[in-house]
C-alpha atoms as a PDB file:
ATOM      1  CA  MET A   1      17.204 -43.214 -42.731  1.00  0.00           C
ATOM      2  CA  THR A   2      19.465 -41.458 -41.355  1.00  0.00           C
ATOM      3  CA  ARG A   3      19.206 -37.914 -41.238  1.00  0.00           C
ATOM      4  CA  ALA A   4      22.457 -37.340 -43.331  1.00  0.00           C
ATOM      5  CA  ARG A   5      21.188 -40.214 -45.535  1.00  0.00           C
ATOM      6  CA  GLU A   6      18.708 -38.586 -46.107  1.00  0.00           C
ATOM      7  CA  LEU A   7      20.059 -35.430 -46.717  1.00  0.00           C
ATOM      8  CA  ASP A   8      22.588 -36.381 -48.951  1.00  0.00           C
ATOM      9  CA  GLY A   9      21.294 -39.132 -50.927  1.00  0.00           C
ATOM     10  CA  GLY A  10      22.713 -42.487 -49.495  1.00  0.00           C
ATOM     11  CA  ALA A  11      26.526 -43.303 -48.375  1.00  0.00           C
ATOM     12  CA  ASN A  12      26.914 -44.870 -51.446  1.00  0.00           C
ATOM     13  CA  ALA A  13      25.616 -42.486 -53.202  1.00  0.00           C
ATOM     14  CA  SER A  14      29.280 -41.465 -55.024  1.00  0.00           C
ATOM     15  CA  GLU A  15      30.068 -45.498 -55.496  1.00  0.00           C
ATOM     16  CA  ARG A  16      27.088 -46.056 -57.414  1.00  0.00           C
ATOM     17  CA  GLY A  17      27.732 -42.929 -59.769  1.00  0.00           C
ATOM     18  CA  GLY A  18      23.890 -41.815 -59.510  1.00  0.00           C
ATOM     19  CA  ARG A  19      22.219 -38.536 -59.540  1.00  0.00           C
ATOM     20  CA  LEU A  20      21.189 -37.459 -55.376  1.00  0.00           C
ATOM     21  CA  ARG A  21      17.047 -36.872 -54.710  1.00  0.00           C
ATOM     22  CA  PRO A  22      16.904 -33.565 -53.592  1.00  0.00           C
ATOM     23  CA  SER A  23      13.225 -33.457 -53.193  1.00  0.00           C
ATOM     24  CA  GLY A  24      12.861 -35.053 -49.709  1.00  0.00           C
ATOM     25  CA  ALA A  25      16.078 -33.573 -48.187  1.00  0.00           C
ATOM     26  CA  LEU A  26      14.627 -29.369 -49.416  1.00  0.00           C
ATOM     27  CA  ALA A  27      11.403 -30.393 -47.812  1.00  0.00           C
ATOM     28  CA  VAL A  28      12.615 -32.042 -44.456  1.00  0.00           C
ATOM     29  CA  ALA A  29      14.066 -28.447 -44.373  1.00  0.00           C
ATOM     30  CA  GLY A  30      11.619 -26.591 -45.385  1.00  0.00           C
ATOM     31  CA  VAL A  31      12.768 -24.757 -48.323  1.00  0.00           C
ATOM     32  CA  ARG A  32      12.454 -24.208 -51.460  1.00  0.00           C
ATOM     33  CA  PRO A  33      14.439 -23.030 -53.736  1.00  0.00           C
ATOM     34  CA  HIS A  34      14.820 -19.223 -54.009  1.00  0.00           C
ATOM     35  CA  LYS A  35      16.000 -17.685 -58.362  1.00  0.00           C
ATOM     36  CA  SER A  36      16.593 -14.965 -56.795  1.00  0.00           C
ATOM     37  CA  LYS A  37      19.057 -16.355 -54.346  1.00  0.00           C
ATOM     38  CA  GLY A  38      20.829 -18.000 -57.040  1.00  0.00           C
ATOM     39  CA  GLN A  39      19.683 -21.677 -56.016  1.00  0.00           C
ATOM     40  CA  ASN A  40      20.590 -24.601 -57.875  1.00  0.00           C
ATOM     41  CA  PHE A  41      21.849 -27.781 -55.465  1.00  0.00           C
ATOM     42  CA  LEU A  42      24.295 -29.635 -57.130  1.00  0.00           C
ATOM     43  CA  VAL A  43      22.943 -33.337 -57.129  1.00  0.00           C
ATOM     44  CA  GLN A  44      25.864 -35.036 -59.470  1.00  0.00           C
ATOM     45  CA  PRO A  45      28.033 -36.894 -56.787  1.00  0.00           C
ATOM     46  CA  ARG A  46      30.700 -37.770 -59.498  1.00  0.00           C
ATOM     47  CA  VAL A  47      30.896 -33.951 -60.064  1.00  0.00           C
ATOM     48  CA  ALA A  48      31.311 -32.856 -55.827  1.00  0.00           C
ATOM     49  CA  ASP A  49      33.748 -35.967 -56.223  1.00  0.00           C
ATOM     50  CA  ARG A  50      35.911 -34.208 -58.222  1.00  0.00           C
ATOM     51  CA  ILE A  51      35.654 -30.756 -56.676  1.00  0.00           C
ATOM     52  CA  VAL A  52      36.842 -31.283 -54.003  1.00  0.00           C
ATOM     53  CA  GLU A  53      39.785 -33.910 -54.695  1.00  0.00           C
ATOM     54  CA  ALA A  54      40.653 -30.762 -56.707  1.00  0.00           C
ATOM     55  CA  ALA A  55      40.854 -28.971 -53.639  1.00  0.00           C
ATOM     56  CA  GLU A  56      43.892 -31.090 -52.650  1.00  0.00           C
ATOM     57  CA  ILE A  57      42.987 -31.352 -49.111  1.00  0.00           C
ATOM     58  CA  ALA A  58      45.896 -32.333 -46.597  1.00  0.00           C
ATOM     59  CA  SER A  59      45.787 -32.577 -43.290  1.00  0.00           C
ATOM     60  CA  GLY A  60      46.112 -30.161 -41.005  1.00  0.00           C
ATOM     61  CA  ASP A  61      44.116 -27.598 -44.077  1.00  0.00           C
ATOM     62  CA  ASP A  62      41.093 -25.182 -43.038  1.00  0.00           C
ATOM     63  CA  VAL A  63      38.659 -25.577 -45.414  1.00  0.00           C
ATOM     64  CA  ILE A  64      35.689 -23.104 -45.712  1.00  0.00           C
ATOM     65  CA  GLU A  65      32.738 -23.897 -48.372  1.00  0.00           C
ATOM     66  CA  ILE A  66      30.516 -20.665 -49.399  1.00  0.00           C
ATOM     67  CA  GLY A  67      26.950 -21.636 -49.995  1.00  0.00           C
ATOM     68  CA  PRO A  68      27.349 -25.479 -49.094  1.00  0.00           C
ATOM     69  CA  GLY A  69      23.421 -26.350 -49.143  1.00  0.00           C
ATOM     70  CA  LEU A  70      22.076 -29.496 -48.874  1.00  0.00           C
ATOM     71  CA  GLY A  71      25.856 -30.351 -48.153  1.00  0.00           C
ATOM     72  CA  ILE A  72      26.574 -32.541 -50.723  1.00  0.00           C
ATOM     73  CA  LEU A  73      30.451 -31.248 -51.167  1.00  0.00           C
ATOM     74  CA  SER A  74      30.463 -30.874 -47.349  1.00  0.00           C
ATOM     75  CA  GLU A  75      30.220 -34.533 -46.690  1.00  0.00           C
ATOM     76  CA  ARG A  76      32.753 -34.747 -49.157  1.00  0.00           C
ATOM     77  CA  ILE A  77      35.701 -32.563 -47.532  1.00  0.00           C
ATOM     78  CA  ALA A  78      34.551 -33.848 -43.736  1.00  0.00           C
ATOM     79  CA  GLU A  79      36.101 -37.109 -44.977  1.00  0.00           C
ATOM     80  CA  ARG A  80      39.011 -35.184 -45.205  1.00  0.00           C
ATOM     81  CA  PRO A  81      41.862 -34.800 -42.824  1.00  0.00           C
ATOM     82  CA  VAL A  82      40.772 -31.061 -42.580  1.00  0.00           C
ATOM     83  CA  ARG A  83      41.538 -29.661 -39.437  1.00  0.00           C
ATOM     84  CA  ARG A  84      39.073 -26.909 -38.821  1.00  0.00           C
ATOM     85  CA  MET A  85      35.939 -26.237 -42.003  1.00  0.00           C
ATOM     86  CA  THR A  86      33.603 -23.719 -41.831  1.00  0.00           C
ATOM     87  CA  LEU A  87      29.658 -23.791 -43.659  1.00  0.00           C
ATOM     88  CA  ILE A  88      28.820 -19.917 -44.143  1.00  0.00           C
ATOM     89  CA  GLU A  89      25.341 -20.827 -45.410  1.00  0.00           C
ATOM     90  CA  LEU A  90      22.563 -17.644 -45.871  1.00  0.00           C
ATOM     91  CA  ASP A  91      19.256 -19.765 -45.077  1.00  0.00           C
ATOM     92  CA  GLN A  92      18.870 -20.180 -41.930  1.00  0.00           C
ATOM     93  CA  ARG A  93      16.883 -23.273 -42.705  1.00  0.00           C
ATOM     94  CA  LEU A  94      20.237 -25.307 -44.408  1.00  0.00           C
ATOM     95  CA  ALA A  95      22.294 -23.913 -41.789  1.00  0.00           C
ATOM     96  CA  SER A  96      20.111 -25.837 -38.769  1.00  0.00           C
ATOM     97  CA  GLN A  97      20.462 -28.919 -40.931  1.00  0.00           C
ATOM     98  CA  LEU A  98      24.250 -28.589 -41.932  1.00  0.00           C
ATOM     99  CA  THR A  99      24.010 -27.901 -37.604  1.00  0.00           C
ATOM    100  CA  GLU A 100      21.559 -31.031 -36.707  1.00  0.00           C
ATOM    101  CA  ARG A 101      24.048 -32.901 -39.009  1.00  0.00           C
ATOM    102  CA  PHE A 102      27.911 -32.069 -37.756  1.00  0.00           C
ATOM    103  CA  ALA A 103      26.668 -32.008 -34.506  1.00  0.00           C
ATOM    104  CA  ALA A 104      29.461 -34.585 -33.479  1.00  0.00           C
ATOM    105  CA  ASP A 105      32.492 -33.408 -35.507  1.00  0.00           C
ATOM    106  CA  ALA A 106      34.271 -30.769 -33.217  1.00  0.00           C
ATOM    107  CA  ARG A 107      36.176 -29.588 -36.775  1.00  0.00           C
ATOM    108  CA  VAL A 108      33.036 -28.166 -37.909  1.00  0.00           C
ATOM    109  CA  VAL A 109      31.196 -24.978 -37.409  1.00  0.00           C
ATOM    110  CA  VAL A 110      28.238 -23.223 -39.304  1.00  0.00           C
ATOM    111  CA  ILE A 111      27.825 -19.464 -39.929  1.00  0.00           C
ATOM    112  CA  ASN A 112      24.497 -17.995 -40.996  1.00  0.00           C
ATOM    113  CA  ARG A 113      25.450 -15.573 -42.407  1.00  0.00           C
ATOM    114  CA  ASP A 114      26.095 -13.789 -46.534  1.00  0.00           C
ATOM    115  CA  PHE A 115      29.425 -14.388 -46.847  1.00  0.00           C
ATOM    116  CA  LEU A 116      28.975 -11.205 -48.935  1.00  0.00           C
ATOM    117  CA  ALA A 117      28.342  -9.714 -45.346  1.00  0.00           C
ATOM    118  CA  LEU A 118      31.542 -10.556 -43.872  1.00  0.00           C
ATOM    119  CA  ALA A 119      34.209  -7.621 -44.166  1.00  0.00           C
ATOM    120  CA  PRO A 120      37.293  -9.081 -45.244  1.00  0.00           C
ATOM    121  CA  GLN A 121      37.945  -8.019 -41.644  1.00  0.00           C
ATOM    122  CA  ASP A 122      36.456 -10.578 -40.225  1.00  0.00           C
ATOM    123  CA  PHE A 123      38.257 -12.837 -41.544  1.00  0.00           C
ATOM    124  CA  PRO A 124      40.573 -15.317 -39.922  1.00  0.00           C
ATOM    125  CA  VAL A 125      38.166 -14.120 -36.792  1.00  0.00           C
ATOM    126  CA  PHE A 126      34.306 -15.236 -37.252  1.00  0.00           C
ATOM    127  CA  ALA A 127      33.216 -13.556 -34.420  1.00  0.00           C
ATOM    128  CA  PRO A 128      29.711 -15.254 -31.935  1.00  0.00           C
ATOM    129  CA  HIS A 129      26.494 -14.363 -34.862  1.00  0.00           C
ATOM    130  CA  ASP A 130      24.125 -15.596 -34.130  1.00  0.00           C
ATOM    131  CA  ALA A 131      22.822 -19.189 -31.956  1.00  0.00           C
ATOM    132  CA  LEU A 132      24.509 -21.449 -34.231  1.00  0.00           C
ATOM    133  CA  VAL A 133      27.771 -20.013 -33.280  1.00  0.00           C
ATOM    134  CA  ARG A 134      29.565 -20.858 -30.267  1.00  0.00           C
ATOM    135  CA  GLY A 135      33.042 -18.795 -28.665  1.00  0.00           C
ATOM    136  CA  VAL A 136      35.376 -17.938 -31.187  1.00  0.00           C
ATOM    137  CA  TYR A 137      37.019 -19.380 -34.153  1.00  0.00           C
ATOM    138  CA  GLU A 138      39.958 -17.996 -34.954  1.00  0.00           C
ATOM    139  CA  ILE A 139      42.334 -19.479 -38.320  1.00  0.00           C
ATOM    140  CA  PRO A 140      46.122 -19.634 -37.715  1.00  0.00           C
ATOM    141  CA  HIS A 141      48.244 -17.308 -39.893  1.00  0.00           C
ATOM    142  CA  ASP A 142      50.378 -20.366 -40.379  1.00  0.00           C
ATOM    143  CA  ALA A 143      47.331 -23.224 -41.319  1.00  0.00           C
ATOM    144  CA  PRO A 144      46.762 -23.254 -45.169  1.00  0.00           C
ATOM    145  CA  LEU A 145      43.747 -22.709 -46.063  1.00  0.00           C
ATOM    146  CA  ARG A 146      41.346 -23.956 -48.893  1.00  0.00           C
ATOM    147  CA  VAL A 147      38.066 -21.970 -50.321  1.00  0.00           C
ATOM    148  CA  VAL A 148      35.402 -24.685 -52.201  1.00  0.00           C
ATOM    149  CA  ALA A 149      31.812 -23.542 -53.139  1.00  0.00           C
ATOM    150  CA  ASN A 150      29.501 -24.049 -55.645  1.00  0.00           C
ATOM    151  CA  LEU A 151      28.941 -20.365 -56.053  1.00  0.00           C
ATOM    152  CA  PRO A 152      25.283 -18.861 -56.530  1.00  0.00           C
ATOM    153  CA  PHE A 153      25.386 -17.499 -60.113  1.00  0.00           C
ATOM    154  CA  ASN A 154      23.712 -14.717 -59.510  1.00  0.00           C
ATOM    155  CA  VAL A 155      26.601 -13.453 -56.825  1.00  0.00           C
ATOM    156  CA  ALA A 156      29.397 -15.189 -58.253  1.00  0.00           C
ATOM    157  CA  ALA A 157      31.766 -12.766 -59.711  1.00  0.00           C
ATOM    158  CA  ALA A 158      30.947  -9.905 -56.246  1.00  0.00           C
ATOM    159  CA  ILE A 159      32.413 -13.351 -53.894  1.00  0.00           C
ATOM    160  CA  LEU A 160      35.073 -13.312 -56.224  1.00  0.00           C
ATOM    161  CA  GLU A 161      36.234 -10.356 -55.120  1.00  0.00           C
ATOM    162  CA  ARG A 162      34.911 -10.096 -51.564  1.00  0.00           C
ATOM    163  CA  LEU A 163      38.099 -13.451 -51.768  1.00  0.00           C
ATOM    164  CA  CYS A 164      40.548 -11.178 -53.987  1.00  0.00           C
ATOM    165  CA  ALA A 165      41.272  -9.560 -50.420  1.00  0.00           C
ATOM    166  CA  MET A 166      41.716 -12.807 -48.514  1.00  0.00           C
ATOM    167  CA  GLN A 167      44.185 -13.473 -51.111  1.00  0.00           C
ATOM    168  CA  ALA A 168      47.229 -13.360 -49.251  1.00  0.00           C
ATOM    169  CA  ARG A 169      45.856 -16.720 -46.803  1.00  0.00           C
ATOM    170  CA  ILE A 170      44.535 -19.128 -49.903  1.00  0.00           C
ATOM    171  CA  ALA A 171      46.761 -21.378 -50.118  1.00  0.00           C
ATOM    172  CA  ARG A 172      43.618 -22.903 -52.913  1.00  0.00           C
ATOM    173  CA  MET A 173      40.433 -22.556 -54.611  1.00  0.00           C
ATOM    174  CA  VAL A 174      38.081 -24.603 -56.003  1.00  0.00           C
ATOM    175  CA  LEU A 175      34.989 -22.418 -57.259  1.00  0.00           C
ATOM    176  CA  MET A 176      31.847 -23.422 -59.378  1.00  0.00           C
ATOM    177  CA  PHE A 177      30.546 -20.613 -61.710  1.00  0.00           C
ATOM    178  CA  GLN A 178      28.086 -19.872 -65.011  1.00  0.00           C
ATOM    179  CA  ARG A 179      29.880 -21.117 -67.731  1.00  0.00           C
ATOM    180  CA  GLU A 180      29.882 -17.892 -68.839  1.00  0.00           C
ATOM    181  CA  VAL A 181      31.571 -16.012 -65.945  1.00  0.00           C
ATOM    182  CA  ALA A 182      33.755 -19.157 -65.911  1.00  0.00           C
ATOM    183  CA  GLU A 183      34.821 -18.281 -69.429  1.00  0.00           C
ATOM    184  CA  ARG A 184      35.299 -14.711 -68.926  1.00  0.00           C
ATOM    185  CA  ILE A 185      37.247 -15.368 -65.619  1.00  0.00           C
ATOM    186  CA  ARG A 186      40.360 -17.434 -67.737  1.00  0.00           C
ATOM    187  CA  SER A 187      39.974 -15.788 -71.352  1.00  0.00           C
ATOM    188  CA  ARG A 188      43.056 -14.323 -71.970  1.00  0.00           C
ATOM    189  CA  THR A 189      44.721 -11.255 -73.684  1.00  0.00           C
ATOM    190  CA  GLY A 190      42.598  -9.710 -77.194  1.00  0.00           C
ATOM    191  CA  ALA A 191      39.801 -13.102 -76.377  1.00  0.00           C
ATOM    192  CA  GLY A 192      36.667 -11.475 -77.374  1.00  0.00           C
ATOM    193  CA  ASN A 193      35.119 -11.946 -73.479  1.00  0.00           C
ATOM    194  CA  TYR A 194      37.829 -10.306 -72.212  1.00  0.00           C
ATOM    195  CA  GLY A 195      37.152  -7.484 -69.581  1.00  0.00           C
ATOM    196  CA  ALA A 196      38.256  -6.117 -66.602  1.00  0.00           C
ATOM    197  CA  LEU A 197      36.405  -9.292 -64.525  1.00  0.00           C
ATOM    198  CA  SER A 198      39.534 -11.759 -66.238  1.00  0.00           C
ATOM    199  CA  VAL A 199      42.556  -8.877 -65.719  1.00  0.00           C
ATOM    200  CA  TYR A 200      40.903  -8.335 -62.115  1.00  0.00           C
ATOM    201  CA  THR A 201      41.027 -12.121 -61.551  1.00  0.00           C
ATOM    202  CA  ALA A 202      44.845 -12.867 -63.360  1.00  0.00           C
ATOM    203  CA  MET A 203      45.847  -9.837 -60.790  1.00  0.00           C
ATOM    204  CA  TYR A 204      45.450 -12.498 -58.259  1.00  0.00           C
ATOM    205  CA  TRP A 205      45.074 -15.828 -59.066  1.00  0.00           C
ATOM    206  CA  GLU A 206      46.343 -18.570 -61.782  1.00  0.00           C
ATOM    207  CA  ILE A 207      43.763 -20.517 -62.955  1.00  0.00           C
ATOM    208  CA  GLU A 208      45.037 -24.590 -62.936  1.00  0.00           C
ATOM    209  CA  GLY A 209      42.242 -26.127 -64.311  1.00  0.00           C
ATOM    210  CA  HIS A 210      38.249 -26.271 -65.138  1.00  0.00           C
ATOM    211  CA  PHE A 211      35.557 -28.687 -66.281  1.00  0.00           C
ATOM    212  CA  ARG A 212      32.332 -28.481 -67.294  1.00  0.00           C
ATOM    213  CA  VAL A 213      29.639 -28.716 -65.250  1.00  0.00           C
ATOM    214  CA  ALA A 214      26.054 -30.566 -66.925  1.00  0.00           C
ATOM    215  CA  ALA A 215      22.809 -27.804 -65.890  1.00  0.00           C
ATOM    216  CA  GLY A 216      21.268 -31.349 -65.496  1.00  0.00           C
ATOM    217  CA  SER A 217      23.708 -31.443 -62.470  1.00  0.00           C
ATOM    218  CA  PHE A 218      21.156 -29.162 -60.484  1.00  0.00           C
ATOM    219  CA  HIS A 219      18.418 -29.249 -58.527  1.00  0.00           C
ATOM    220  CA  PRO A 220      15.902 -26.593 -59.333  1.00  0.00           C
ATOM    221  CA  ARG A 221      18.037 -27.562 -63.125  1.00  0.00           C
ATOM    222  CA  PRO A 222      19.148 -24.249 -64.700  1.00  0.00           C
ATOM    223  CA  LYS A 223      18.835 -22.724 -68.400  1.00  0.00           C
ATOM    224  CA  VAL A 224      22.723 -22.675 -68.488  1.00  0.00           C
ATOM    225  CA  ASP A 225      25.430 -24.988 -67.860  1.00  0.00           C
ATOM    226  CA  ALA A 226      28.198 -24.256 -65.454  1.00  0.00           C
ATOM    227  CA  GLU A 227      32.291 -24.797 -64.650  1.00  0.00           C
ATOM    228  CA  VAL A 228      34.793 -25.348 -62.308  1.00  0.00           C
ATOM    229  CA  LEU A 229      37.542 -23.449 -61.833  1.00  0.00           C
ATOM    230  CA  THR A 230      40.980 -24.092 -59.757  1.00  0.00           C
ATOM    231  CA  PHE A 231      42.857 -21.067 -58.648  1.00  0.00           C
ATOM    232  CA  ALA A 232      45.786 -20.628 -56.981  1.00  0.00           C
ATOM    233  CA  PRO A 233      47.343 -17.219 -55.608  1.00  0.00           C
ATOM    234  CA  ARG A 234      49.916 -15.849 -57.252  1.00  0.00           C
ATOM    235  CA  ARG A 235      53.486 -15.255 -56.203  1.00  0.00           C
ATOM    236  CA  PRO A 236      54.519 -12.853 -56.294  1.00  0.00           C
ATOM    237  CA  MET A 237      51.897 -10.398 -56.400  1.00  0.00           C
ATOM    238  CA  PRO A 238      52.233  -8.226 -59.924  1.00  0.00           C
ATOM    239  CA  PHE A 239      52.104  -4.800 -57.505  1.00  0.00           C
ATOM    240  CA  ALA A 240      53.487  -3.676 -54.467  1.00  0.00           C
ATOM    241  CA  PRO A 241      50.364  -3.310 -51.168  1.00  0.00           C
ATOM    242  CA  ARG A 242      50.360   0.306 -51.587  1.00  0.00           C
ATOM    243  CA  GLU A 243      50.161   0.281 -55.649  1.00  0.00           C
ATOM    244  CA  GLU A 244      46.433  -1.879 -55.775  1.00  0.00           C
ATOM    245  CA  GLY A 245      44.270   0.886 -55.215  1.00  0.00           C
ATOM    246  CA  GLY A 246      46.204   2.689 -58.682  1.00  0.00           C
ATOM    247  CA  VAL A 247      45.794  -1.135 -60.451  1.00  0.00           C
ATOM    248  CA  LEU A 248      42.122  -1.355 -59.791  1.00  0.00           C
ATOM    249  CA  ALA A 249      41.078   1.986 -60.509  1.00  0.00           C
ATOM    250  CA  THR A 250      43.629   1.530 -64.385  1.00  0.00           C
ATOM    251  CA  VAL A 251      41.579  -1.406 -64.298  1.00  0.00           C
ATOM    252  CA  ARG A 252      37.979   0.306 -64.328  1.00  0.00           C
ATOM    253  CA  ALA A 253      38.795   3.233 -66.309  1.00  0.00           C
ATOM    254  CA  ALA A 254      40.062   1.190 -69.841  1.00  0.00           C
ATOM    255  CA  PHE A 255      37.742  -1.084 -69.011  1.00  0.00           C
ATOM    256  CA  SER A 256      34.962   1.762 -68.542  1.00  0.00           C
ATOM    257  CA  ALA A 257      34.579   2.273 -72.608  1.00  0.00           C
ATOM    258  CA  PRO A 258      36.400  -0.963 -73.475  1.00  0.00           C
ATOM    259  CA  ARG A 259      35.560  -0.328 -77.425  1.00  0.00           C
ATOM    260  CA  LYS A 260      36.926   3.239 -77.317  1.00  0.00           C
ATOM    261  CA  THR A 261      40.482   3.715 -77.553  1.00  0.00           C
ATOM    262  CA  LEU A 262      42.820   3.984 -73.863  1.00  0.00           C
ATOM    263  CA  ARG A 263      43.176   7.454 -74.557  1.00  0.00           C
ATOM    264  CA  ASN A 264      39.600   8.528 -75.122  1.00  0.00           C
ATOM    265  CA  ALA A 265      38.774   6.052 -71.863  1.00  0.00           C
ATOM    266  CA  VAL A 266      40.959   6.381 -70.065  1.00  0.00           C
ATOM    267  CA  GLY A 267      41.592   9.906 -70.560  1.00  0.00           C
ATOM    268  CA  ARG A 268      37.742  10.357 -69.538  1.00  0.00           C
ATOM    269  CA  ALA A 269      37.948   8.250 -66.573  1.00  0.00           C
ATOM    270  CA  LEU A 270      40.722  10.228 -64.743  1.00  0.00           C
ATOM    271  CA  ALA A 271      39.889  13.350 -66.023  1.00  0.00           C
ATOM    272  CA  LEU A 272      43.494  13.685 -67.322  1.00  0.00           C
ATOM    273  CA  GLU A 273      44.407  16.166 -70.055  1.00  0.00           C
ATOM    274  CA  PRO A 274      45.007  14.980 -73.827  1.00  0.00           C
ATOM    275  CA  GLY A 275      48.826  15.703 -73.885  1.00  0.00           C
ATOM    276  CA  ALA A 276      49.757  14.978 -70.423  1.00  0.00           C
ATOM    277  CA  LEU A 277      47.744  11.601 -71.477  1.00  0.00           C
ATOM    278  CA  GLU A 278      50.484  11.343 -74.946  1.00  0.00           C
ATOM    279  CA  ASP A 279      53.075  11.712 -72.368  1.00  0.00           C
ATOM    280  CA  LEU A 280      52.280   9.491 -69.905  1.00  0.00           C
ATOM    281  CA  PHE A 281      51.172   6.357 -72.377  1.00  0.00           C
ATOM    282  CA  LYS A 282      55.040   7.005 -74.008  1.00  0.00           C
ATOM    283  CA  ARG A 283      56.597   6.280 -70.764  1.00  0.00           C
ATOM    284  CA  ALA A 284      54.398   2.866 -70.006  1.00  0.00           C
ATOM    285  CA  VAL A 285      55.240   1.878 -73.737  1.00  0.00           C
ATOM    286  CA  ILE A 286      51.506   1.438 -74.314  1.00  0.00           C
ATOM    287  CA  ASP A 287      49.926   2.597 -77.610  1.00  0.00           C
ATOM    288  CA  PRO A 288      47.211   5.206 -76.538  1.00  0.00           C
ATOM    289  CA  ALA A 289      45.469   4.315 -79.726  1.00  0.00           C
ATOM    290  CA  ALA A 290      45.056   0.286 -78.770  1.00  0.00           C
ATOM    291  CA  ARG A 291      42.432  -1.411 -76.566  1.00  0.00           C
ATOM    292  CA  ALA A 292      41.874  -2.182 -72.825  1.00  0.00           C
ATOM    293  CA  ALA A 293      41.084  -6.415 -74.538  1.00  0.00           C
ATOM    294  CA  THR A 294      44.926  -5.934 -75.785  1.00  0.00           C
ATOM    295  CA  LEU A 295      46.235  -5.574 -72.961  1.00  0.00           C
ATOM    296  CA  THR A 296      48.363  -7.924 -70.129  1.00  0.00           C
ATOM    297  CA  VAL A 297      48.176  -7.461 -66.420  1.00  0.00           C
ATOM    298  CA  GLY A 298      52.176  -6.347 -66.953  1.00  0.00           C
ATOM    299  CA  ASP A 299      50.382  -3.595 -69.173  1.00  0.00           C
ATOM    300  CA  PHE A 300      47.973  -2.189 -66.920  1.00  0.00           C
ATOM    301  CA  VAL A 301      50.504  -2.055 -63.281  1.00  0.00           C
ATOM    302  CA  ARG A 302      53.208  -0.058 -65.580  1.00  0.00           C
ATOM    303  CA  LEU A 303      50.095   2.383 -66.988  1.00  0.00           C
ATOM    304  CA  ALA A 304      49.401   2.922 -63.358  1.00  0.00           C
ATOM    305  CA  ARG A 305      53.148   3.896 -62.146  1.00  0.00           C
ATOM    306  CA  ALA A 306      53.116   5.832 -65.032  1.00  0.00           C
ATOM    307  CA  LEU A 307      49.622   7.496 -64.376  1.00  0.00           C
ATOM    308  CA  LYS A 308      51.116   7.660 -60.589  1.00  0.00           C
ATOM    309  CA  LEU A 309      47.900   6.346 -59.160  1.00  0.00           C
ATOM    310  CA  ASP A 310      48.328   3.987 -56.577  1.00  0.00           C
ATOM    311  CA  SER A 311      45.783   3.023 -53.201  1.00  0.00           C
ATOM    312  CA  GLN A 312      46.248   6.576 -51.571  1.00  0.00           C
ATOM    313  CA  THR A 313      45.930   9.001 -54.735  1.00  0.00           C
ATOM    314  CA  VAL A 314      42.444   6.645 -55.196  1.00  0.00           C
ATOM    315  CA  ASP A 315      41.516   7.315 -51.714  1.00  0.00           C
ATOM    316  CA  ASP A 316      41.856  11.643 -52.178  1.00  0.00           C
ATOM    317  CA  ARG A 317      39.806  10.761 -55.618  1.00  0.00           C
ATOM    318  CA  ASP A 318      36.690   9.068 -54.210  1.00  0.00           C
ATOM    319  CA  ALA A 319      37.326  11.414 -51.048  1.00  0.00           C
END
């Protein structure tokens, strides 16, 4: 049995529809799953096939996979006509296995780093970080970029936030989250779980599809199910670049006390006088007695404009 078959459960695993057996692959890599790292490895081939299908990878696309782990998604992505595939894996032993596994495929670059340690300015250029990476890898600005990931549950929201900073370069994302988090991300105005994460995501992305993944599809088995979301970039953006910081600050202020009225939550968070607040809400055509969960993305943008908050103003406040 070859190393690739050993790690991926056999070349015909998808055709059999059988569940992969990761224990042997993890033993080969010398890896024990760590709850603190959110390591729950996908072992269901049919789910992996569905995720890669949802990415709609076309000829000439660049693909970033975050947290490839044992490579169940990587193998399927590599079968597509990608221009370049970048695997970002935090675990050094798994990264080494992936480097060996795809050594003969010049399209594949493995980066042994924490994705959250890569600043937005590190994209589209990846400089060599360690012995696993040779040379400089550039993603041309005109190359469609797709992101695929089975995200660690404990840092999934933080990774999504970082991806928002790359939104202008991304054509499509297919990401897996803990089901409860996914439901919050795609929640609509007025729903019980609609919150800052829902608004923040909706400012940057359209959710084009979702499907549930049972806990039994992972090793080790988590206590909760997962959900896969398909994201398309929102075009055009609902605010100008200079307004971004102000809109985000307005969302944070409104949800700083979600059970309180907007008048109280925003006024307290931004230290605004009650008299001035009434005029600002009137200008934004928003009821100050409403609560944050009743506002749409457009409402938050209007409120930020009425508050005259922009990125520079927010930077000055934080200074």
